[in-house]
Amino acid sequence: MITPGTRITGFCNGFFGRDSYFEKLIIASGIWGTTNWCVAEEDGRLLFAEGFSDEQAAAWERAA
């Protein structure tokens, strides 16, 4: 599970939007039912992602 304080980078399978390629700082995360979600800050913008797997998030961390 991705947690607040984690830094990730790159496209992240498009979960943060098609124009999000830079370093992101996770500021909130959780699980709603069975759905992973997180809020990240990238260049002063807040971005929301949901529906990603733990394996996908682990790959984002390795890329950072």
Protein backbone atom coordinates (compact mmCIF):
# COMPACT_ATOMS: atom_id res chain seq x y z
CA MET A 1 0.00 0.00 0.00
CA ILE A 2 1.29 3.43 -0.94
CA THR A 3 1.47 5.73 2.12
CA PRO A 4 1.73 9.48 2.84
CA GLY A 5 5.28 10.74 2.49
CA THR A 6 6.07 8.37 -0.38
CA ARG A 7 7.60 9.96 -3.47
CA ILE A 8 6.74 8.53 -6.88
CA THR A 9 7.58 9.68 -10.39
CA GLY A 10 6.61 9.20 -13.99
CA PHE A 11 3.36 8.56 -15.81
CA CYS A 12 2.08 6.04 -13.21
CA ASN A 13 -0.05 4.16 -15.74
CA GLY A 14 -2.05 7.36 -16.31
CA PHE A 15 -3.85 7.18 -12.96
CA PHE A 16 -2.96 10.82 -12.17
CA GLY A 17 -3.92 12.14 -15.60
CA ARG A 18 -2.38 12.20 -19.05
CA ASP A 19 -0.15 15.24 -18.30
CA SER A 20 1.35 14.00 -15.02
CA TYR A 21 4.96 12.88 -15.52
CA PHE A 22 6.97 14.51 -12.72
CA GLU A 23 7.72 13.67 -9.09
CA LYS A 24 4.67 13.40 -6.86
CA LEU A 25 4.46 13.40 -3.07
CA ILE A 26 1.68 11.26 -1.64
CA ILE A 27 -0.17 13.29 0.97
CA ALA A 28 -3.14 10.98 1.70
CA SER A 29 -4.07 7.41 0.87
CA GLY A 30 -6.46 4.69 1.81
CA ILE A 31 -8.85 2.00 0.73
CA TRP A 32 -12.55 2.61 0.13
CA GLY A 33 -14.22 -0.78 0.13
CA THR A 34 -11.80 -2.67 -2.10
CA THR A 35 -10.55 0.35 -4.08
CA ASN A 36 -7.13 1.89 -3.45
CA TRP A 37 -7.01 5.69 -3.64
CA CYS A 38 -4.46 8.44 -3.01
CA VAL A 39 -3.97 12.18 -3.24
CA ALA A 40 -0.61 13.48 -4.45
CA GLU A 41 1.00 16.90 -4.86
CA GLU A 42 2.88 17.59 -8.09
CA ASP A 43 4.25 21.09 -8.81
CA GLY A 44 1.70 22.73 -6.50
CA ARG A 45 -1.27 20.80 -7.92
CA LEU A 46 -3.31 18.19 -6.08
CA LEU A 47 -3.93 15.01 -8.03
CA PHE A 48 -6.27 12.13 -7.20
CA ALA A 49 -5.86 8.51 -8.28
CA GLU A 50 -8.09 5.53 -7.60
CA GLY A 51 -8.47 1.93 -8.65
CA PHE A 52 -4.80 1.01 -8.93
CA SER A 53 -3.40 -2.23 -7.58
CA ASP A 54 -0.77 -2.59 -4.87
CA GLU A 55 1.56 -4.05 -7.51
CA GLN A 56 1.17 -0.98 -9.74
CA ALA A 57 1.86 1.37 -6.82
CA ALA A 58 4.96 -0.64 -5.85
CA ALA A 59 6.31 -0.18 -9.40
CA TRP A 60 5.75 3.60 -9.13
CA GLU A 61 7.81 3.66 -5.92
CA ARG A 62 10.64 1.69 -7.54
CA ALA A 63 10.72 4.15 -10.44
CA ALA A 64 11.22 7.16 -8.12
